[in-house]
Amino acid sequence: MDTKHCAVDGWVDAIPSPGLRGTATFDLIVPTDLDAVDEDIHDTVVTCTSGDPRIVHELLNRIQPGDLLRVTGTLVRPPAPGEPALLVVDALEILDTALIPVLREMVLDRYGDYCVIYDADMETVPVFTVLGHWVGLADNPDTITALIDLYERANGGA
């Protein structure tokens, strides 16, 4: 089976998913340089996976759809024609993060393993773990970190 070491820049298509034996898998949308080709072709979807614990942690805890990444690794040719190639990632760099989704006058934001909801009509900020467990109500945006620190001390982390 042929392999090739390469670096690819692209956008995360969907939330990375946990795989077997401590791995994580995600699809990367790699844009086509239309100036470099004669015909109109579509962007390429590259399926990526990693078993490196640091990269798996980043993928499952920080990476969101729309994030722009540079991944470096080994591109493995597909076993049969028509099947997708696989990029086994050994280095990951976040080049840019996706915009925060805005729902009417609310904004959802993420603090590592925590989610917060900013509401233009309220001074207080609700804080949850990414698994949906209630952390508490911060008095204002400046006190979110202090609330998370208290929660982690009392509960041993997220």
C-alpha atoms as a PDB file:
ATOM      1  CA  MET A   1       0.000   0.000   0.000  1.00  0.00           C
ATOM      2  CA  ASP A   2       1.420   3.389  -1.007  1.00  0.00           C
ATOM      3  CA  THR A   3       1.637   6.231   1.490  1.00  0.00           C
ATOM      4  CA  LYS A   4       2.686   9.860   1.232  1.00  0.00           C
ATOM      5  CA  HIS A   5       3.557  12.372   3.962  1.00  0.00           C
ATOM      6  CA  CYS A   6       1.765  15.687   3.386  1.00  0.00           C
ATOM      7  CA  ALA A   7       0.238  18.801   4.952  1.00  0.00           C
ATOM      8  CA  VAL A   8      -3.291  19.909   4.085  1.00  0.00           C
ATOM      9  CA  ASP A   9      -5.270  23.051   4.972  1.00  0.00           C
ATOM     10  CA  GLY A  10      -9.043  22.833   5.124  1.00  0.00           C
ATOM     11  CA  TRP A  11     -12.249  23.392   7.054  1.00  0.00           C
ATOM     12  CA  VAL A  12     -13.782  20.885   9.441  1.00  0.00           C
ATOM     13  CA  ASP A  13     -17.016  19.608   7.885  1.00  0.00           C
ATOM     14  CA  ALA A  14     -18.754  18.221  11.009  1.00  0.00           C
ATOM     15  CA  ILE A  15     -18.044  17.664  14.690  1.00  0.00           C
ATOM     16  CA  PRO A  16     -15.161  15.145  14.975  1.00  0.00           C
ATOM     17  CA  SER A  17     -16.296  11.787  16.279  1.00  0.00           C
ATOM     18  CA  PRO A  18     -14.578   9.330  18.603  1.00  0.00           C
ATOM     19  CA  GLY A  19     -13.327   6.184  16.921  1.00  0.00           C
ATOM     20  CA  LEU A  20     -12.145   2.793  18.040  1.00  0.00           C
ATOM     21  CA  ARG A  21      -9.257   2.344  20.506  1.00  0.00           C
ATOM     22  CA  GLY A  22      -8.853   6.021  21.477  1.00  0.00           C
ATOM     23  CA  THR A  23      -8.940   7.511  17.983  1.00  0.00           C
ATOM     24  CA  ALA A  24     -10.926  10.400  16.517  1.00  0.00           C
ATOM     25  CA  THR A  25     -12.133  10.835  12.943  1.00  0.00           C
ATOM     26  CA  PHE A  26     -13.256  13.900  10.986  1.00  0.00           C
ATOM     27  CA  ASP A  27     -13.726  15.136   7.435  1.00  0.00           C
ATOM     28  CA  LEU A  28     -11.733  18.094   6.144  1.00  0.00           C
ATOM     29  CA  ILE A  29     -13.011  20.176   3.214  1.00  0.00           C
ATOM     30  CA  VAL A  30      -9.966  21.087   1.121  1.00  0.00           C
ATOM     31  CA  PRO A  31     -10.681  23.915  -1.320  1.00  0.00           C
ATOM     32  CA  THR A  32      -9.671  23.536  -4.946  1.00  0.00           C
ATOM     33  CA  ASP A  33      -7.455  26.264  -6.394  1.00  0.00           C
ATOM     34  CA  LEU A  34      -9.598  27.112  -9.427  1.00  0.00           C
ATOM     35  CA  ASP A  35      -6.783  29.197 -10.930  1.00  0.00           C
ATOM     36  CA  ALA A  36      -4.569  26.104 -11.105  1.00  0.00           C
ATOM     37  CA  VAL A  37      -6.988  23.838 -13.005  1.00  0.00           C
ATOM     38  CA  ASP A  38      -8.656  24.140 -16.394  1.00  0.00           C
ATOM     39  CA  GLU A  39     -11.973  22.585 -15.501  1.00  0.00           C
ATOM     40  CA  ASP A  40     -14.513  23.485 -12.823  1.00  0.00           C
ATOM     41  CA  ILE A  41     -14.060  20.861 -10.107  1.00  0.00           C
ATOM     42  CA  HIS A  42     -15.421  20.698  -6.593  1.00  0.00           C
ATOM     43  CA  ASP A  43     -13.615  20.929  -3.271  1.00  0.00           C
ATOM     44  CA  THR A  44     -12.111  17.697  -1.980  1.00  0.00           C
ATOM     45  CA  VAL A  45     -13.257  15.945   1.197  1.00  0.00           C
ATOM     46  CA  VAL A  46     -10.365  14.292   3.009  1.00  0.00           C
ATOM     47  CA  THR A  47     -11.226  11.784   5.738  1.00  0.00           C
ATOM     48  CA  CYS A  48      -8.779  12.160   8.635  1.00  0.00           C
ATOM     49  CA  THR A  49      -8.065  10.096  11.727  1.00  0.00           C
ATOM     50  CA  SER A  50      -5.594  10.245  14.602  1.00  0.00           C
ATOM     51  CA  GLY A  51      -4.621   8.055  17.517  1.00  0.00           C
ATOM     52  CA  ASP A  52      -2.291  10.613  19.123  1.00  0.00           C
ATOM     53  CA  PRO A  53      -3.879  11.337  22.557  1.00  0.00           C
ATOM     54  CA  ARG A  54      -3.112  15.087  22.383  1.00  0.00           C
ATOM     55  CA  ILE A  55      -4.664  15.430  18.925  1.00  0.00           C
ATOM     56  CA  VAL A  56      -7.667  13.267  19.867  1.00  0.00           C
ATOM     57  CA  HIS A  57      -8.277  15.482  22.918  1.00  0.00           C
ATOM     58  CA  GLU A  58      -8.143  18.647  20.771  1.00  0.00           C
ATOM     59  CA  LEU A  59     -10.467  17.150  18.174  1.00  0.00           C
ATOM     60  CA  LEU A  60     -13.064  15.972  20.671  1.00  0.00           C
ATOM     61  CA  ASN A  61     -12.960  19.019  22.962  1.00  0.00           C
ATOM     62  CA  ARG A  62     -12.052  22.128  20.961  1.00  0.00           C
ATOM     63  CA  ILE A  63     -12.616  21.607  17.257  1.00  0.00           C
ATOM     64  CA  GLN A  64     -15.946  22.718  15.783  1.00  0.00           C
ATOM     65  CA  PRO A  65     -17.427  22.619  12.274  1.00  0.00           C
ATOM     66  CA  GLY A  66     -16.042  25.503  10.232  1.00  0.00           C
ATOM     67  CA  ASP A  67     -12.683  25.657  12.028  1.00  0.00           C
ATOM     68  CA  LEU A  68      -9.766  26.082   9.600  1.00  0.00           C
ATOM     69  CA  LEU A  69      -7.028  23.523  10.299  1.00  0.00           C
ATOM     70  CA  ARG A  70      -3.641  22.557   8.949  1.00  0.00           C
ATOM     71  CA  VAL A  71      -3.146  18.826   9.371  1.00  0.00           C
ATOM     72  CA  THR A  72       0.095  16.998   8.690  1.00  0.00           C
ATOM     73  CA  GLY A  73       0.322  13.269   8.389  1.00  0.00           C
ATOM     74  CA  THR A  74       0.465  10.219   6.195  1.00  0.00           C
ATOM     75  CA  LEU A  75      -1.965   9.930   3.306  1.00  0.00           C
ATOM     76  CA  VAL A  76      -2.852   6.274   2.792  1.00  0.00           C
ATOM     77  CA  ARG A  77      -4.138   5.303  -0.636  1.00  0.00           C
ATOM     78  CA  PRO A  78      -7.512   3.575  -0.680  1.00  0.00           C
ATOM     79  CA  PRO A  79      -7.462  -0.213  -0.729  1.00  0.00           C
ATOM     80  CA  ALA A  80      -9.726  -0.285  -3.797  1.00  0.00           C
ATOM     81  CA  PRO A  81     -10.671   2.209  -6.528  1.00  0.00           C
ATOM     82  CA  GLY A  82     -13.634   4.352  -5.578  1.00  0.00           C
ATOM     83  CA  GLU A  83     -12.957   4.130  -1.848  1.00  0.00           C
ATOM     84  CA  PRO A  84     -11.766   7.243   0.004  1.00  0.00           C
ATOM     85  CA  ALA A  85      -8.143   7.831   0.934  1.00  0.00           C
ATOM     86  CA  LEU A  86      -7.344   8.304   4.625  1.00  0.00           C
ATOM     87  CA  LEU A  87      -5.050  10.912   6.168  1.00  0.00           C
ATOM     88  CA  VAL A  88      -3.504   9.649   9.425  1.00  0.00           C
ATOM     89  CA  VAL A  89      -2.824  12.911  11.296  1.00  0.00           C
ATOM     90  CA  ASP A  90       0.334  13.306  13.396  1.00  0.00           C
ATOM     91  CA  ALA A  91       0.246  17.136  13.724  1.00  0.00           C
ATOM     92  CA  LEU A  92      -2.663  19.555  13.956  1.00  0.00           C
ATOM     93  CA  GLU A  93      -2.646  23.360  13.880  1.00  0.00           C
ATOM     94  CA  ILE A  94      -5.724  25.562  14.290  1.00  0.00           C
ATOM     95  CA  LEU A  95      -5.397  28.363  11.727  1.00  0.00           C
ATOM     96  CA  ASP A  96      -8.751  30.028  12.408  1.00  0.00           C
ATOM     97  CA  THR A  97     -11.871  29.254  14.413  1.00  0.00           C
ATOM     98  CA  ALA A  98     -15.426  29.254  13.113  1.00  0.00           C
ATOM     99  CA  LEU A  99     -17.711  32.134  13.876  1.00  0.00           C
ATOM    100  CA  ILE A 100     -19.768  31.829  17.034  1.00  0.00           C
ATOM    101  CA  PRO A 101     -23.336  30.903  16.094  1.00  0.00           C
ATOM    102  CA  VAL A 102     -25.859  33.641  16.874  1.00  0.00           C
ATOM    103  CA  LEU A 103     -29.399  32.649  17.735  1.00  0.00           C
ATOM    104  CA  ARG A 104     -31.595  35.744  17.672  1.00  0.00           C
ATOM    105  CA  GLU A 105     -30.133  37.879  20.439  1.00  0.00           C
ATOM    106  CA  MET A 106     -28.256  35.065  22.171  1.00  0.00           C
ATOM    107  CA  VAL A 107     -24.708  33.906  21.617  1.00  0.00           C
ATOM    108  CA  LEU A 108     -23.347  30.481  22.531  1.00  0.00           C
ATOM    109  CA  ASP A 109     -19.655  30.314  23.354  1.00  0.00           C
ATOM    110  CA  ARG A 110     -17.319  27.615  24.522  1.00  0.00           C
ATOM    111  CA  TYR A 111     -14.705  27.731  27.297  1.00  0.00           C
ATOM    112  CA  GLY A 112     -12.838  24.434  26.809  1.00  0.00           C
ATOM    113  CA  ASP A 113     -15.118  21.837  28.421  1.00  0.00           C
ATOM    114  CA  TYR A 114     -17.794  24.446  29.242  1.00  0.00           C
ATOM    115  CA  CYS A 115     -20.522  26.281  27.324  1.00  0.00           C
ATOM    116  CA  VAL A 116     -21.943  29.687  28.150  1.00  0.00           C
ATOM    117  CA  ILE A 117     -24.993  31.528  26.833  1.00  0.00           C
ATOM    118  CA  TYR A 118     -24.826  35.283  26.441  1.00  0.00           C
ATOM    119  CA  ASP A 119     -28.249  36.933  26.287  1.00  0.00           C
ATOM    120  CA  ALA A 120     -28.485  40.630  25.411  1.00  0.00           C
ATOM    121  CA  ASP A 121     -31.465  41.001  27.770  1.00  0.00           C
ATOM    122  CA  MET A 122     -29.680  39.573  30.828  1.00  0.00           C
ATOM    123  CA  GLU A 123     -26.620  40.573  32.843  1.00  0.00           C
ATOM    124  CA  THR A 124     -26.106  37.038  34.216  1.00  0.00           C
ATOM    125  CA  VAL A 125     -24.534  34.237  32.160  1.00  0.00           C
ATOM    126  CA  PRO A 126     -25.648  30.574  32.436  1.00  0.00           C
ATOM    127  CA  VAL A 127     -22.732  28.098  32.372  1.00  0.00           C
ATOM    128  CA  PHE A 128     -22.931  24.362  31.530  1.00  0.00           C
ATOM    129  CA  THR A 129     -20.441  21.593  30.867  1.00  0.00           C
ATOM    130  CA  VAL A 130     -20.321  20.455  27.227  1.00  0.00           C
ATOM    131  CA  LEU A 131     -22.153  17.328  28.424  1.00  0.00           C
ATOM    132  CA  GLY A 132     -25.044  19.532  29.579  1.00  0.00           C
ATOM    133  CA  HIS A 133     -24.453  19.503  33.348  1.00  0.00           C
ATOM    134  CA  TRP A 134     -25.394  22.721  35.132  1.00  0.00           C
ATOM    135  CA  VAL A 135     -22.387  24.640  36.505  1.00  0.00           C
ATOM    136  CA  GLY A 136     -24.080  27.813  37.678  1.00  0.00           C
ATOM    137  CA  LEU A 137     -25.061  31.372  36.866  1.00  0.00           C
ATOM    138  CA  ALA A 138     -22.186  33.852  36.552  1.00  0.00           C
ATOM    139  CA  ASP A 139     -23.083  37.351  37.782  1.00  0.00           C
ATOM    140  CA  ASN A 140     -21.593  38.845  34.600  1.00  0.00           C
ATOM    141  CA  PRO A 141     -19.217  37.804  31.806  1.00  0.00           C
ATOM    142  CA  ASP A 142     -16.175  38.804  33.880  1.00  0.00           C
ATOM    143  CA  THR A 143     -16.988  36.184  36.554  1.00  0.00           C
ATOM    144  CA  ILE A 144     -17.335  33.127  34.252  1.00  0.00           C
ATOM    145  CA  THR A 145     -13.767  31.933  34.857  1.00  0.00           C
ATOM    146  CA  ALA A 146     -14.144  32.241  38.641  1.00  0.00           C
ATOM    147  CA  LEU A 147     -17.386  30.211  38.513  1.00  0.00           C
ATOM    148  CA  ILE A 148     -15.730  27.481  36.435  1.00  0.00           C
ATOM    149  CA  ASP A 149     -12.747  27.380  38.850  1.00  0.00           C
ATOM    150  CA  LEU A 150     -15.110  26.954  41.831  1.00  0.00           C
ATOM    151  CA  TYR A 151     -17.029  24.210  40.008  1.00  0.00           C
ATOM    152  CA  GLU A 152     -13.816  22.318  39.183  1.00  0.00           C
ATOM    153  CA  ARG A 153     -12.560  22.548  42.764  1.00  0.00           C
ATOM    154  CA  ALA A 154     -15.884  21.275  44.121  1.00  0.00           C
ATOM    155  CA  ASN A 155     -16.509  18.594  41.490  1.00  0.00           C
ATOM    156  CA  GLY A 156     -13.069  17.585  40.258  1.00  0.00           C
ATOM    157  CA  GLY A 157     -13.367  19.090  36.779  1.00  0.00           C
ATOM    158  CA  ALA A 158     -15.896  19.019  33.973  1.00  0.00           C
END
